[in-house]
Protein backbone atom coordinates (compact mmCIF):
# COMPACT_ATOMS: atom_id res chain seq x y z
CA MET A 1 122.29 114.76 117.11
CA ILE A 2 121.47 111.13 116.71
CA ALA A 3 122.86 108.80 119.32
CA PRO A 4 125.47 106.25 118.07
CA ALA A 5 123.36 103.45 119.32
CA ARG A 6 120.63 104.41 117.16
CA ILE A 7 122.84 104.93 114.11
CA LEU A 8 123.98 101.51 114.57
CA ARG A 9 120.52 100.16 114.95
CA HIS A 10 119.82 101.67 111.80
CA VAL A 11 122.87 100.18 110.03
CA LYS A 12 122.10 96.82 111.09
CA THR A 13 118.44 97.09 110.22
CA GLY A 14 119.39 98.29 106.57
CA LEU A 15 121.85 95.40 106.29
CA ARG A 16 119.24 93.03 107.20
CA LEU A 17 116.85 94.21 104.85
CA LEU A 18 119.51 94.30 102.17
CA VAL A 19 120.06 90.51 102.73
CA TYR A 20 116.42 89.99 102.60
CA GLY A 21 115.89 91.91 99.42
CA THR A 22 118.63 89.96 97.69
CA ALA A 23 117.45 86.70 98.61
CA PHE A 24 113.90 87.74 97.54
CA LEU A 25 115.26 88.94 94.13
CA LEU A 26 116.96 85.48 93.90
CA LEU A 27 114.08 83.37 94.44
CA VAL A 28 111.29 85.36 92.92
CA GLY A 29 112.08 84.37 89.46
CA PRO A 30 111.95 80.85 90.08
CA HIS A 31 108.94 81.09 92.19
CA ARG A 32 106.98 82.79 89.58
CA LEU A 33 108.03 79.81 87.08
CA SER A 34 106.92 77.24 89.47
CA LEU A 35 103.49 79.23 89.89
CA ARG A 36 102.82 79.04 86.24
CA ARG A 37 103.68 75.44 86.03
CA GLY A 38 101.90 74.44 89.06
CA GLY A 39 104.79 72.40 90.36
CA ARG A 40 104.91 71.20 93.71
CA PHE A 41 107.66 73.74 94.84
CA ALA A 42 105.28 76.57 94.19
CA GLY A 43 105.13 76.93 98.03
CA LEU A 44 108.74 76.48 98.76
CA ALA A 45 110.11 80.11 98.19
CA PRO A 46 107.66 82.01 100.31
CA MET A 47 108.48 79.57 103.12
CA LEU A 48 112.17 79.98 102.72
CA LEU A 49 111.53 83.89 102.50
CA HIS A 50 109.49 83.97 105.76
CA ARG A 51 112.15 81.75 107.67
CA LEU A 52 114.96 83.97 106.56
CA PHE A 53 112.90 86.92 107.88
CA LEU A 54 112.39 85.51 111.19
CA ALA A 55 116.14 84.55 111.58
CA LEU A 56 117.03 88.03 110.63
CA PHE A 57 114.79 90.09 112.82
CA GLN A 58 115.28 87.47 115.77
CA VAL A 59 111.57 86.08 116.09
CA ARG A 60 111.77 82.74 117.53
CA VAL A 61 108.72 80.30 116.84
CA ARG A 62 107.76 77.41 119.17
CA VAL A 63 105.14 74.95 117.69
CA THR A 64 103.32 72.60 119.48
CA GLY A 65 100.44 70.08 118.48
CA THR A 66 100.12 67.94 115.20
CA PRO A 67 99.79 69.73 112.06
CA PRO A 68 98.07 68.41 108.86
CA ALA A 69 99.79 65.41 107.31
CA PRO A 70 101.48 66.31 103.79
CA GLY A 71 98.76 66.39 101.32
CA GLU A 72 96.12 66.47 103.50
CA ALA A 73 93.37 68.89 102.66
CA ALA A 74 93.11 71.24 105.52
CA LEU A 75 91.38 74.28 106.06
CA VAL A 76 92.94 75.99 109.00
CA LEU A 77 91.03 78.54 111.32
CA ALA A 78 93.18 80.77 113.17
CA ASN A 79 93.40 83.69 115.37
CA HIS A 80 94.83 86.92 114.01
CA ILE A 81 96.95 89.32 116.06
CA SER A 82 99.50 91.10 113.76
CA TRP A 83 101.19 91.40 110.25
CA LEU A 84 103.79 89.23 111.69
CA ASP A 85 101.57 86.20 111.85
CA ILE A 86 102.22 85.85 107.97
CA PRO A 87 105.81 85.10 108.14
CA VAL A 88 105.48 83.32 111.49
CA LEU A 89 102.83 81.04 110.02
CA GLY A 90 104.29 80.84 106.39
CA SER A 91 107.53 79.69 107.89
CA LEU A 92 106.01 76.25 108.83
CA ARG A 93 105.14 74.87 105.95
CA PRO A 94 103.92 76.07 102.35
CA LEU A 95 100.32 77.23 102.64
CA SER A 96 98.22 79.90 101.40
CA PHE A 97 95.86 82.55 103.06
CA VAL A 98 92.60 84.40 102.54
CA ALA A 99 92.68 88.22 102.80
CA LYS A 100 90.45 90.89 102.16
CA SER A 101 90.71 92.12 98.60
CA GLU A 102 92.13 95.80 99.58
CA ILE A 103 95.55 94.31 100.32
CA ALA A 104 96.01 92.96 96.99
CA GLY A 105 96.53 96.77 96.23
CA TRP A 106 98.97 97.54 98.97
CA PRO A 107 102.57 98.47 97.94
CA ILE A 108 105.09 95.54 98.54
CA ILE A 109 102.52 93.66 100.91
CA GLY A 110 100.00 93.10 98.02
CA LEU A 111 103.04 91.79 96.02
CA PHE A 112 103.86 89.30 98.70
CA ALA A 113 100.35 88.18 99.03
CA ARG A 114 99.97 87.50 95.51
CA LEU A 115 103.25 85.31 95.34
CA GLN A 116 101.88 83.52 98.55
CA ARG A 117 98.94 82.27 96.28
CA THR A 118 96.47 84.45 98.59
CA VAL A 119 92.88 84.32 97.90
CA PHE A 120 91.40 87.92 98.16
CA ILE A 121 87.96 88.48 99.23
CA ASP A 122 85.63 91.33 98.70
CA ARG A 123 83.63 91.81 101.89
CA ALA A 124 81.43 94.58 100.22
CA ARG A 125 80.17 91.94 97.96
CA LYS A 126 78.14 89.23 99.72
CA ARG A 127 78.09 87.30 96.68
CA HIS A 128 81.90 87.13 96.36
CA THR A 129 81.81 84.67 99.26
CA ALA A 130 80.48 82.00 96.87
CA VAL A 131 83.26 82.71 94.69
CA VAL A 132 85.78 82.56 97.18
CA ASN A 133 84.41 79.28 98.35
CA THR A 134 84.47 77.85 95.18
CA GLU A 135 88.44 78.66 94.76
CA LEU A 136 89.07 77.29 98.36
CA SER A 137 87.24 74.10 97.68
CA ARG A 138 89.18 73.59 94.60
CA ARG A 139 92.64 74.41 96.70
CA LEU A 140 91.39 71.92 99.23
CA ALA A 141 90.81 69.26 96.83
CA ALA A 142 94.18 69.59 95.60
CA GLY A 143 95.38 68.84 99.09
CA ASP A 144 96.33 72.33 99.93
CA VAL A 145 96.72 73.99 103.59
CA VAL A 146 94.71 77.14 103.57
CA VAL A 147 94.53 79.48 106.61
CA LEU A 148 91.46 81.58 107.31
CA PHE A 149 91.84 84.17 110.06
CA ALA A 150 88.42 83.21 111.21
CA GLU A 151 87.76 86.25 113.51
CA GLY A 152 87.79 88.68 110.24
CA THR A 153 90.04 91.06 111.76
CA THR A 154 93.01 91.32 114.04
CA GLY A 155 92.83 91.29 117.86
CA ASP A 156 95.07 92.69 120.59
CA GLY A 157 96.57 89.51 121.39
CA ASN A 158 95.17 89.19 124.72
CA ARG A 159 91.65 88.01 123.90
CA LEU A 160 89.90 86.16 121.12
CA LEU A 161 86.92 87.76 118.83
CA PRO A 162 84.23 85.59 117.77
CA PHE A 163 85.02 83.21 114.80
CA ARG A 164 83.09 83.79 111.62
CA ALA A 165 81.06 80.71 109.93
CA SER A 166 80.77 82.05 106.30
CA LEU A 167 83.89 80.82 104.71
CA VAL A 168 83.84 77.63 106.35
CA GLY A 169 81.25 76.79 103.54
CA ALA A 170 84.49 76.31 101.48
CA ALA A 171 84.79 72.82 103.15
CA ARG A 172 81.14 72.21 102.13
CA ALA A 173 81.64 72.93 98.89
CA ALA A 174 85.10 70.68 98.85
CA LEU A 175 82.87 67.57 99.60
CA THR A 176 80.16 68.50 96.89
CA ASP A 177 82.30 69.82 94.18
CA GLY A 178 85.69 68.56 95.09
CA GLY A 179 84.87 64.90 95.57
CA LEU A 180 86.16 64.82 99.10
CA ASP A 181 84.96 62.53 101.82
CA ALA A 182 85.90 64.84 104.72
CA VAL A 183 87.90 67.95 105.25
CA ARG A 184 90.30 68.79 108.21
CA LEU A 185 89.15 71.83 110.05
CA GLN A 186 92.30 72.65 111.82
CA PRO A 187 92.00 75.17 114.89
CA LEU A 188 95.36 77.06 115.09
CA CYS A 189 96.51 79.43 117.80
CA ILE A 190 99.19 81.89 117.62
CA ALA A 191 100.31 84.00 120.43
CA TYR A 192 103.21 86.65 121.14
CA THR A 193 104.64 85.48 124.49
CA ARG A 194 108.13 86.94 125.24
CA ARG A 195 110.44 89.67 124.42
CA HIS A 196 114.26 89.57 125.18
CA GLY A 197 113.34 86.23 126.72
CA LEU A 198 111.03 87.97 129.32
CA PRO A 199 107.31 87.18 129.59
CA LEU A 200 105.08 89.74 128.22
CA THR A 201 102.57 91.19 130.22
CA ARG A 202 98.95 92.11 129.52
CA ARG A 203 99.67 95.45 128.86
CA GLU A 204 102.89 94.90 126.90
CA ARG A 205 101.07 92.50 124.63
CA PRO A 206 99.28 94.95 122.35
CA GLU A 207 102.52 96.61 121.67
CA ILE A 208 103.13 93.82 119.17
CA ALA A 209 99.64 93.40 118.01
CA TRP A 210 98.47 95.44 114.92
CA TYR A 211 94.98 96.06 115.19
CA GLY A 212 92.13 98.99 115.13
CA ASP A 213 93.49 101.75 113.31
CA MET A 214 97.02 101.62 114.11
CA GLU A 215 99.48 102.80 111.13
CA LEU A 216 101.84 100.30 109.72
CA ALA A 217 104.75 102.38 109.48
CA PRO A 218 105.29 103.39 113.29
CA HIS A 219 104.42 99.97 114.27
CA LEU A 220 107.06 98.51 112.18
CA ALA A 221 109.57 100.94 113.59
CA VAL A 222 108.59 99.69 117.22
CA PHE A 223 109.07 96.06 115.98
CA LEU A 224 112.49 96.84 114.69
CA GLU A 225 113.80 98.97 117.56
CA ARG A 226 112.64 96.59 120.60
CA GLY A 227 114.20 93.52 119.73
CA PRO A 228 113.76 89.72 119.89
CA ILE A 229 110.04 88.26 120.11
CA ASP A 230 109.07 84.49 120.83
CA ALA A 231 105.91 83.37 119.22
CA GLU A 232 103.99 80.26 120.10
CA VAL A 233 101.88 78.34 117.76
CA VAL A 234 99.53 75.60 118.62
CA TRP A 235 98.00 73.00 116.53
CA ALA A 236 94.80 72.37 118.40
CA GLU A 237 92.74 68.88 117.81
CA PRO A 238 91.28 68.95 114.37
CA VAL A 239 87.63 69.08 113.55
CA THR A 240 86.38 66.78 110.82
CA PHE A 241 84.00 68.25 108.22
CA ALA A 242 82.07 65.47 106.61
CA ALA A 243 78.42 65.31 105.13
CA GLY A 244 76.14 66.19 107.47
CA THR A 245 78.42 68.50 109.67
CA ASN A 246 76.79 71.56 110.69
CA ARG A 247 78.94 74.47 109.50
CA LYS A 248 78.12 76.60 112.45
CA VAL A 249 78.66 74.21 115.24
CA ALA A 250 82.15 73.02 113.44
CA THR A 251 83.42 76.63 113.36
CA ALA A 252 82.32 77.00 117.24
CA LEU A 253 84.02 73.96 118.25
CA ALA A 254 87.22 75.38 116.59
CA GLU A 255 86.82 78.62 118.07
CA ALA A 256 86.85 77.10 121.73
CA ALA A 257 89.83 75.02 120.99
CA VAL A 258 91.65 78.15 119.89
CA ARG A 259 90.39 80.13 122.71
CA ARG A 260 91.72 77.57 125.26
CA ALA A 261 95.08 77.47 123.38
CA LEU A 262 95.09 81.46 123.68
CA ARG A 263 94.22 81.48 127.09
CA GLN A 264 97.07 78.89 128.32
CA ALA A 265 99.58 80.65 125.87
CA VAL A 266 99.17 84.24 127.60
CA THR A 267 98.67 83.17 131.10
CA GLY A 268 101.06 80.07 131.26
CA ARG A 269 98.54 77.88 132.88
CA PRO A 270 97.51 74.54 131.55
CA ALA A 271 93.86 73.64 131.71
CA ALA A 272 92.60 72.35 135.18
CA ASP A 273 91.77 69.09 133.84
CA PRO A 274 93.26 67.78 130.48
CA ALA A 275 91.14 64.81 130.63
CA ALA A 276 87.88 66.35 130.79
CA PRO A 277 85.64 67.53 128.00
CA ALA A 278 86.41 70.82 126.99
CA PRO A 279 84.02 73.56 127.74
CA LEU A 280 82.70 75.85 124.77
CA ALA A 281 83.66 79.11 126.36
CA GLY A 282 83.20 82.01 124.15
CA ALA A 283 81.25 79.75 121.47
CA SER A 284 77.95 79.25 123.01
CA ALA A 285 76.25 82.06 121.38
CA ALA A 286 77.27 80.53 117.98
CA LEU A 287 76.25 77.05 119.09
CA ALA A 288 73.00 77.84 120.50
CA GLU A 289 72.12 79.81 117.03
CA ALA A 290 73.34 76.69 114.99
CA LEU A 291 70.99 74.29 116.94
């Protein structure tokens, strides 16, 4: 026999999904029309849907730092923890993502990704990186904000994996082909810090992360069952990418900025000396290779 409390949770979840589905059906038509016309409202519907999702499922987002100004070309280099990163970041402002090509064929998620104007990359084809860089340079030249999960995969939420520099070549292409003088490389950190208002421990944080060979359905069930989550988003100090900028050095600087922000978010301890030059912890190997 199913407990009444569990039945009530299922009913609430069903009602929330119904509200979200209704909003999606109301917005998808105008959104598709806006995409075809290329209007400035093309990014509005996804942002509204992400905000509705977070409100319905009690995900609170705290934002610090200075994001790119409206119309400013920005390639965002972010860490990646979970599928939840997409609605959290997508709720902040109109933007698009770079994702692996197989996501385009996923049920429901693939549809949402396409409506978000996601740029898909086939990692099995090395030459496809150049094609993607060309598309990203076009987006940047148009003043778009594009999010690249620079680790290339998801992590457990406690540590940062090395950033990959290959797609940062899109910034170079935006300078040479897009006619820009400089591109803002924007380090961005996302961390999940609390559940039910209580700080998450190092052992609990991977329960929110979706990584490795985890199946999505059981992970979604845990998300729906265990209640409110607090996410922290940090826009770190940007790195200016101009003519002559070393791609690997710029990527390493962004990685170091995200690593510092993630460490502070998960430990709650600020840097020992905010005025001192930031160490490139975790990025030394990339710097050594670049230099």
